Amino acid sequence: MRMTSCADISDDITQETFIRVHTHLRKGNVLVDPIPFCLMIARQRVMNVVRNSKQTTSIEEDSLVVDPHEALHAEDLRSHIALALHRLPDPAREAFVLRYYDGLSYDEIASVTNETAGTVRMRVFRAKTLLKVLLRVVVGEVRS
């Protein structure tokens, strides 16, 4: 859901992932570690959907609504974070989501994405740096 920003597409990808895992198992194959295998299939499908859609929406920073007189509600904060995540480049967003939302280690992410652990660390670092910039208005509101 965090990678596609659409519940329907996420549901379809989840269903396709489990169908592909089931087909893989019915062929007599064995899964040593199912989580990275499932994530790899889901990742490939997400990348296909992103590549095929290529429809992007740019959100200008001044179009974010911030009320300095009221505390941000949890739902508002989640929506700001979701918007900021959506603005990250795909590789950085993917690495960040796998690390902080799915709780995978750098080595596990590297095996899922077919990258080195160093590349994954750099992508996560860049994602955090960009998120700090994109969320600086929101963070300033929470602190004050």
N, C-alpha and C. Protein backbone atom coordinates (compact mmCIF):
# COMPACT_ATOMS: atom_id res chain seq x y z
N MET A 1 0.82 -1.19 0.00
CA MET A 1 0.00 0.00 0.00
C MET A 1 0.87 1.26 0.00
N ARG A 2 1.96 1.22 0.78
CA ARG A 2 2.84 2.39 0.84
C ARG A 2 3.58 2.61 -0.47
N MET A 3 3.80 1.57 -1.21
CA MET A 3 4.53 1.70 -2.46
C MET A 3 3.62 2.13 -3.61
N THR A 4 2.34 1.75 -3.57
CA THR A 4 1.44 2.06 -4.68
C THR A 4 0.51 3.22 -4.40
N SER A 5 0.24 3.51 -3.13
CA SER A 5 -0.69 4.56 -2.70
C SER A 5 -2.10 4.31 -3.19
N CYS A 6 -2.45 3.06 -3.44
CA CYS A 6 -3.79 2.72 -3.90
C CYS A 6 -4.17 1.36 -3.31
N ALA A 7 -5.27 1.35 -2.57
CA ALA A 7 -5.69 0.12 -1.89
C ALA A 7 -6.04 -0.98 -2.89
N ASP A 8 -6.72 -0.64 -3.98
CA ASP A 8 -7.12 -1.65 -4.96
C ASP A 8 -5.91 -2.30 -5.63
N ILE A 9 -4.95 -1.49 -6.03
CA ILE A 9 -3.74 -2.03 -6.66
C ILE A 9 -2.96 -2.88 -5.66
N SER A 10 -2.88 -2.41 -4.42
CA SER A 10 -2.18 -3.18 -3.39
C SER A 10 -2.84 -4.53 -3.15
N ASP A 11 -4.17 -4.53 -3.12
CA ASP A 11 -4.89 -5.80 -2.95
C ASP A 11 -4.60 -6.75 -4.11
N ASP A 12 -4.60 -6.22 -5.33
CA ASP A 12 -4.32 -7.05 -6.50
C ASP A 12 -2.91 -7.62 -6.44
N ILE A 13 -1.95 -6.81 -6.06
CA ILE A 13 -0.56 -7.26 -5.98
C ILE A 13 -0.41 -8.33 -4.90
N THR A 14 -1.06 -8.14 -3.77
CA THR A 14 -1.01 -9.13 -2.70
C THR A 14 -1.59 -10.46 -3.17
N GLN A 15 -2.72 -10.39 -3.84
CA GLN A 15 -3.35 -11.61 -4.33
C GLN A 15 -2.46 -12.30 -5.37
N GLU A 16 -1.92 -11.53 -6.30
CA GLU A 16 -1.03 -12.11 -7.31
C GLU A 16 0.21 -12.73 -6.67
N THR A 17 0.73 -12.10 -5.63
CA THR A 17 1.90 -12.63 -4.94
C THR A 17 1.61 -14.01 -4.36
N PHE A 18 0.49 -14.13 -3.67
CA PHE A 18 0.16 -15.42 -3.08
C PHE A 18 -0.17 -16.47 -4.14
N ILE A 19 -0.76 -16.06 -5.23
CA ILE A 19 -1.02 -17.01 -6.32
C ILE A 19 0.31 -17.51 -6.90
N ARG A 20 1.26 -16.62 -7.09
CA ARG A 20 2.56 -17.02 -7.63
C ARG A 20 3.33 -17.91 -6.65
N VAL A 21 3.22 -17.63 -5.36
CA VAL A 21 3.87 -18.48 -4.36
C VAL A 21 3.22 -19.86 -4.38
N HIS A 22 1.90 -19.89 -4.44
CA HIS A 22 1.19 -21.17 -4.49
C HIS A 22 1.58 -21.96 -5.74
N THR A 23 1.65 -21.32 -6.88
CA THR A 23 2.06 -21.98 -8.12
C THR A 23 3.48 -22.51 -8.00
N HIS A 24 4.35 -21.72 -7.41
CA HIS A 24 5.74 -22.13 -7.20
C HIS A 24 5.81 -23.39 -6.34
N LEU A 25 5.01 -23.42 -5.27
CA LEU A 25 5.01 -24.57 -4.38
C LEU A 25 4.37 -25.81 -5.02
N ARG A 26 3.34 -25.60 -5.84
CA ARG A 26 2.68 -26.72 -6.50
C ARG A 26 3.59 -27.41 -7.51
N LYS A 27 4.58 -26.67 -8.00
CA LYS A 27 5.54 -27.26 -8.93
C LYS A 27 6.57 -28.12 -8.21
N GLY A 28 6.46 -28.21 -6.90
CA GLY A 28 7.38 -29.04 -6.12
C GLY A 28 8.57 -28.29 -5.57
N ASN A 29 8.61 -26.99 -5.75
CA ASN A 29 9.71 -26.19 -5.22
C ASN A 29 9.55 -26.00 -3.72
N VAL A 30 10.65 -25.76 -3.05
CA VAL A 30 10.65 -25.57 -1.60
C VAL A 30 11.09 -24.15 -1.30
N LEU A 31 10.44 -23.53 -0.31
CA LEU A 31 10.83 -22.19 0.13
C LEU A 31 11.61 -22.30 1.43
N VAL A 32 12.85 -21.85 1.41
CA VAL A 32 13.67 -21.86 2.62
C VAL A 32 13.25 -20.71 3.52
N ASP A 33 13.11 -19.53 2.95
CA ASP A 33 12.71 -18.35 3.70
C ASP A 33 11.59 -17.65 2.92
N PRO A 34 10.34 -17.83 3.30
CA PRO A 34 9.23 -17.34 2.48
C PRO A 34 9.07 -15.82 2.44
N ILE A 35 9.46 -15.11 3.50
CA ILE A 35 9.23 -13.66 3.52
C ILE A 35 10.01 -12.94 2.43
N PRO A 36 11.33 -13.13 2.31
CA PRO A 36 12.03 -12.46 1.21
C PRO A 36 11.52 -12.89 -0.17
N PHE A 37 11.12 -14.15 -0.30
CA PHE A 37 10.59 -14.64 -1.58
C PHE A 37 9.29 -13.90 -1.93
N CYS A 38 8.39 -13.78 -0.95
CA CYS A 38 7.13 -13.06 -1.18
C CYS A 38 7.39 -11.59 -1.46
N LEU A 39 8.30 -10.98 -0.71
CA LEU A 39 8.61 -9.57 -0.93
C LEU A 39 9.23 -9.33 -2.31
N MET A 40 10.04 -10.28 -2.76
CA MET A 40 10.65 -10.14 -4.08
C MET A 40 9.57 -10.17 -5.16
N ILE A 41 8.62 -11.09 -5.04
CA ILE A 41 7.54 -11.17 -6.03
C ILE A 41 6.70 -9.90 -5.98
N ALA A 42 6.33 -9.46 -4.78
CA ALA A 42 5.51 -8.25 -4.65
C ALA A 42 6.26 -7.03 -5.18
N ARG A 43 7.55 -6.95 -4.90
CA ARG A 43 8.37 -5.84 -5.38
C ARG A 43 8.39 -5.79 -6.90
N GLN A 44 8.57 -6.95 -7.52
CA GLN A 44 8.59 -7.00 -8.98
C GLN A 44 7.27 -6.53 -9.56
N ARG A 45 6.17 -6.94 -8.94
CA ARG A 45 4.85 -6.55 -9.43
C ARG A 45 4.63 -5.04 -9.24
N VAL A 46 5.06 -4.51 -8.10
CA VAL A 46 4.93 -3.06 -7.86
C VAL A 46 5.73 -2.29 -8.90
N MET A 47 6.94 -2.76 -9.16
CA MET A 47 7.77 -2.08 -10.16
C MET A 47 7.12 -2.13 -11.54
N ASN A 48 6.48 -3.24 -11.88
CA ASN A 48 5.77 -3.33 -13.15
C ASN A 48 4.61 -2.34 -13.20
N VAL A 49 3.86 -2.24 -12.12
CA VAL A 49 2.73 -1.32 -12.08
C VAL A 49 3.22 0.12 -12.19
N VAL A 50 4.27 0.45 -11.44
CA VAL A 50 4.82 1.82 -11.49
C VAL A 50 5.34 2.14 -12.89
N ARG A 51 6.07 1.18 -13.47
CA ARG A 51 6.62 1.39 -14.80
C ARG A 51 5.51 1.56 -15.84
N ASN A 52 4.46 0.78 -15.72
CA ASN A 52 3.38 0.83 -16.70
C ASN A 52 2.50 2.06 -16.54
N SER A 53 2.36 2.56 -15.32
CA SER A 53 1.47 3.70 -15.13
C SER A 53 2.15 5.02 -15.48
N LYS A 54 3.36 5.24 -14.97
CA LYS A 54 4.15 6.46 -15.22
C LYS A 54 3.31 7.73 -15.09
N GLN A 55 2.27 7.66 -14.27
CA GLN A 55 1.45 8.83 -14.04
C GLN A 55 1.84 9.40 -12.68
N THR A 56 2.46 10.56 -12.67
CA THR A 56 2.92 11.14 -11.42
C THR A 56 2.21 12.46 -11.16
N THR A 57 2.08 12.74 -9.90
CA THR A 57 1.49 13.99 -9.48
C THR A 57 2.49 14.71 -8.60
N SER A 58 2.79 15.92 -8.95
CA SER A 58 3.74 16.70 -8.17
C SER A 58 2.95 17.54 -7.17
N ILE A 59 3.36 17.48 -5.92
CA ILE A 59 2.70 18.26 -4.88
C ILE A 59 3.68 19.33 -4.42
N GLU A 60 3.26 20.56 -4.56
CA GLU A 60 4.10 21.68 -4.16
C GLU A 60 4.07 21.81 -2.64
N GLU A 61 5.19 22.21 -2.08
CA GLU A 61 5.31 22.31 -0.64
C GLU A 61 4.31 23.29 -0.04
N ASP A 62 4.04 24.40 -0.73
CA ASP A 62 3.11 25.38 -0.18
C ASP A 62 1.66 24.96 -0.31
N SER A 63 1.37 23.82 -0.97
CA SER A 63 -0.01 23.35 -1.04
C SER A 63 -0.37 22.44 0.13
N LEU A 64 0.61 22.14 1.01
CA LEU A 64 0.31 21.39 2.23
C LEU A 64 -0.38 22.33 3.21
N VAL A 65 -1.44 21.86 3.78
CA VAL A 65 -2.20 22.67 4.72
C VAL A 65 -1.68 22.42 6.13
N VAL A 66 -1.22 23.49 6.77
CA VAL A 66 -0.72 23.39 8.13
C VAL A 66 -1.39 24.47 8.97
N ASP A 67 -2.02 24.07 10.03
CA ASP A 67 -2.67 25.02 10.94
C ASP A 67 -1.77 25.19 12.15
N PRO A 68 -1.12 26.33 12.30
CA PRO A 68 -0.17 26.50 13.41
C PRO A 68 -0.84 26.62 14.78
N HIS A 69 -2.17 26.79 14.84
CA HIS A 69 -2.84 27.01 16.12
C HIS A 69 -3.40 25.74 16.74
N GLU A 70 -3.41 24.64 16.00
CA GLU A 70 -3.94 23.38 16.53
C GLU A 70 -2.89 22.30 16.43
N ALA A 71 -2.93 21.37 17.36
CA ALA A 71 -2.00 20.24 17.30
C ALA A 71 -2.42 19.34 16.14
N LEU A 72 -1.41 18.75 15.52
CA LEU A 72 -1.72 17.85 14.41
C LEU A 72 -2.32 16.57 14.95
N HIS A 73 -3.36 16.12 14.32
CA HIS A 73 -3.96 14.85 14.70
C HIS A 73 -3.16 13.73 14.05
N ALA A 74 -3.25 12.55 14.61
CA ALA A 74 -2.47 11.41 14.10
C ALA A 74 -2.78 11.16 12.62
N GLU A 75 -4.02 11.29 12.23
CA GLU A 75 -4.38 11.03 10.83
C GLU A 75 -3.75 12.06 9.90
N ASP A 76 -3.71 13.33 10.33
CA ASP A 76 -3.07 14.36 9.53
C ASP A 76 -1.58 14.07 9.37
N LEU A 77 -0.95 13.66 10.46
CA LEU A 77 0.47 13.34 10.41
C LEU A 77 0.71 12.17 9.46
N ARG A 78 -0.13 11.14 9.55
CA ARG A 78 0.00 9.99 8.64
C ARG A 78 -0.15 10.42 7.18
N SER A 79 -1.08 11.30 6.91
CA SER A 79 -1.27 11.73 5.51
C SER A 79 -0.08 12.53 5.01
N HIS A 80 0.51 13.37 5.87
CA HIS A 80 1.71 14.12 5.48
C HIS A 80 2.87 13.17 5.20
N ILE A 81 3.02 12.18 6.06
CA ILE A 81 4.10 11.20 5.86
C ILE A 81 3.87 10.42 4.58
N ALA A 82 2.62 10.02 4.33
CA ALA A 82 2.31 9.28 3.10
C ALA A 82 2.62 10.12 1.87
N LEU A 83 2.27 11.40 1.90
CA LEU A 83 2.57 12.28 0.77
C LEU A 83 4.08 12.42 0.57
N ALA A 84 4.79 12.58 1.68
CA ALA A 84 6.25 12.72 1.59
C ALA A 84 6.88 11.43 1.07
N LEU A 85 6.41 10.28 1.55
CA LEU A 85 6.92 9.00 1.05
C LEU A 85 6.67 8.86 -0.45
N HIS A 86 5.51 9.30 -0.88
CA HIS A 86 5.17 9.18 -2.31
C HIS A 86 6.07 10.06 -3.18
N ARG A 87 6.61 11.14 -2.61
CA ARG A 87 7.48 12.03 -3.37
C ARG A 87 8.92 11.53 -3.48
N LEU A 88 9.27 10.52 -2.68
CA LEU A 88 10.63 9.98 -2.75
C LEU A 88 10.84 9.22 -4.06
N PRO A 89 12.06 9.18 -4.56
CA PRO A 89 12.35 8.34 -5.72
C PRO A 89 12.06 6.87 -5.36
N ASP A 90 11.61 6.09 -6.34
CA ASP A 90 11.20 4.71 -6.10
C ASP A 90 12.24 3.87 -5.35
N PRO A 91 13.52 3.88 -5.75
CA PRO A 91 14.49 3.04 -5.02
C PRO A 91 14.65 3.45 -3.55
N ALA A 92 14.65 4.75 -3.29
CA ALA A 92 14.79 5.22 -1.91
C ALA A 92 13.55 4.89 -1.09
N ARG A 93 12.37 5.09 -1.68
CA ARG A 93 11.12 4.78 -0.98
C ARG A 93 11.05 3.28 -0.66
N GLU A 94 11.41 2.46 -1.64
CA GLU A 94 11.37 1.02 -1.44
C GLU A 94 12.28 0.59 -0.29
N ALA A 95 13.51 1.08 -0.29
CA ALA A 95 14.47 0.72 0.76
C ALA A 95 13.98 1.21 2.12
N PHE A 96 13.46 2.43 2.19
CA PHE A 96 12.96 2.98 3.44
C PHE A 96 11.78 2.18 3.98
N VAL A 97 10.83 1.87 3.12
CA VAL A 97 9.65 1.11 3.54
C VAL A 97 10.05 -0.28 4.02
N LEU A 98 10.91 -0.95 3.27
CA LEU A 98 11.34 -2.28 3.68
C LEU A 98 12.09 -2.24 5.01
N ARG A 99 12.84 -1.19 5.25
CA ARG A 99 13.63 -1.09 6.48
C ARG A 99 12.76 -0.71 7.67
N TYR A 100 11.97 0.35 7.56
CA TYR A 100 11.29 0.89 8.72
C TYR A 100 9.84 0.45 8.87
N TYR A 101 9.17 0.09 7.81
CA TYR A 101 7.79 -0.38 7.93
C TYR A 101 7.73 -1.90 8.00
N ASP A 102 8.60 -2.57 7.23
CA ASP A 102 8.59 -4.03 7.23
C ASP A 102 9.63 -4.63 8.16
N GLY A 103 10.55 -3.81 8.68
CA GLY A 103 11.50 -4.24 9.68
C GLY A 103 12.59 -5.17 9.18
N LEU A 104 12.91 -5.11 7.89
CA LEU A 104 13.96 -5.98 7.36
C LEU A 104 15.34 -5.38 7.63
N SER A 105 16.32 -6.24 7.75
CA SER A 105 17.69 -5.78 7.91
C SER A 105 18.23 -5.32 6.55
N TYR A 106 19.35 -4.64 6.58
CA TYR A 106 19.95 -4.18 5.33
C TYR A 106 20.31 -5.37 4.43
N ASP A 107 20.80 -6.43 5.03
CA ASP A 107 21.16 -7.62 4.24
C ASP A 107 19.93 -8.27 3.62
N GLU A 108 18.82 -8.33 4.37
CA GLU A 108 17.59 -8.91 3.81
C GLU A 108 17.06 -8.05 2.67
N ILE A 109 17.11 -6.74 2.83
CA ILE A 109 16.67 -5.83 1.77
C ILE A 109 17.55 -6.01 0.54
N ALA A 110 18.85 -6.15 0.77
CA ALA A 110 19.79 -6.34 -0.34
C ALA A 110 19.46 -7.61 -1.11
N SER A 111 19.10 -8.67 -0.42
CA SER A 111 18.77 -9.91 -1.13
C SER A 111 17.45 -9.79 -1.89
N VAL A 112 16.50 -9.03 -1.34
CA VAL A 112 15.22 -8.85 -2.03
C VAL A 112 15.38 -7.98 -3.27
N THR A 113 16.20 -6.94 -3.17
CA THR A 113 16.34 -5.99 -4.27
C THR A 113 17.50 -6.29 -5.21
N ASN A 114 18.27 -7.33 -4.90
CA ASN A 114 19.45 -7.68 -5.71
C ASN A 114 20.47 -6.54 -5.77
N GLU A 115 20.63 -5.87 -4.64
CA GLU A 115 21.61 -4.80 -4.50
C GLU A 115 22.58 -5.18 -3.38
N THR A 116 23.63 -4.40 -3.22
CA THR A 116 24.55 -4.64 -2.11
C THR A 116 23.97 -3.97 -0.85
N ALA A 117 24.42 -4.44 0.31
CA ALA A 117 23.96 -3.85 1.57
C ALA A 117 24.37 -2.38 1.65
N GLY A 118 25.52 -2.05 1.11
CA GLY A 118 25.98 -0.66 1.09
C GLY A 118 25.07 0.25 0.28
N THR A 119 24.61 -0.26 -0.86
CA THR A 119 23.68 0.50 -1.70
C THR A 119 22.37 0.72 -0.96
N VAL A 120 21.90 -0.32 -0.29
CA VAL A 120 20.66 -0.21 0.47
C VAL A 120 20.81 0.81 1.59
N ARG A 121 21.93 0.77 2.31
CA ARG A 121 22.16 1.74 3.39
C ARG A 121 22.14 3.16 2.85
N MET A 122 22.78 3.38 1.70
CA MET A 122 22.81 4.72 1.11
C MET A 122 21.41 5.16 0.70
N ARG A 123 20.61 4.26 0.15
CA ARG A 123 19.24 4.62 -0.25
C ARG A 123 18.39 4.96 0.96
N VAL A 124 18.54 4.21 2.04
CA VAL A 124 17.79 4.51 3.26
C VAL A 124 18.24 5.86 3.82
N PHE A 125 19.53 6.10 3.82
CA PHE A 125 20.06 7.39 4.30
C PHE A 125 19.51 8.54 3.46
N ARG A 126 19.52 8.39 2.14
CA ARG A 126 19.00 9.45 1.26
C ARG A 126 17.50 9.64 1.47
N ALA A 127 16.77 8.56 1.67
CA ALA A 127 15.33 8.66 1.92
C ALA A 127 15.07 9.44 3.21
N LYS A 128 15.83 9.13 4.27
CA LYS A 128 15.65 9.85 5.53
C LYS A 128 15.99 11.32 5.37
N THR A 129 17.03 11.61 4.62
CA THR A 129 17.42 13.01 4.39
C THR A 129 16.33 13.75 3.64
N LEU A 130 15.80 13.14 2.59
CA LEU A 130 14.72 13.77 1.83
C LEU A 130 13.45 13.91 2.66
N LEU A 131 13.13 12.92 3.46
CA LEU A 131 11.94 13.00 4.31
C LEU A 131 12.08 14.13 5.33
N LYS A 132 13.26 14.34 5.86
CA LYS A 132 13.48 15.45 6.79
C LYS A 132 13.18 16.79 6.11
N VAL A 133 13.62 16.91 4.86
CA VAL A 133 13.37 18.15 4.12
C VAL A 133 11.88 18.29 3.82
N LEU A 134 11.26 17.21 3.35
CA LEU A 134 9.84 17.27 2.97
C LEU A 134 8.92 17.47 4.17
N LEU A 135 9.34 16.99 5.33
CA LEU A 135 8.48 17.06 6.51
C LEU A 135 8.90 18.14 7.50
N ARG A 136 9.80 19.02 7.10
CA ARG A 136 10.30 20.01 8.06
C ARG A 136 9.18 20.93 8.57
N VAL A 137 8.20 21.25 7.76
CA VAL A 137 7.09 22.09 8.20
C VAL A 137 6.27 21.34 9.25
N VAL A 138 5.99 20.08 8.99
CA VAL A 138 5.20 19.28 9.92
C VAL A 138 5.95 19.08 11.23
N VAL A 139 7.24 18.77 11.13
CA VAL A 139 8.05 18.55 12.33
C VAL A 139 8.13 19.82 13.15
N GLY A 140 8.26 20.95 12.50
CA GLY A 140 8.28 22.23 13.20
C GLY A 140 6.98 22.49 13.96
N GLU A 141 5.85 22.08 13.39
CA GLU A 141 4.56 22.25 14.04
C GLU A 141 4.44 21.36 15.26
N VAL A 142 4.92 20.14 15.18
CA VAL A 142 4.82 19.21 16.29
C VAL A 142 5.68 19.67 17.45
N ARG A 143 6.87 20.18 17.17
CA ARG A 143 7.79 20.61 18.23
C ARG A 143 7.34 21.87 18.92
N SER A 144 6.63 22.75 18.21
CA SER A 144 6.27 24.03 18.85
C SER A 144 5.01 23.96 19.67
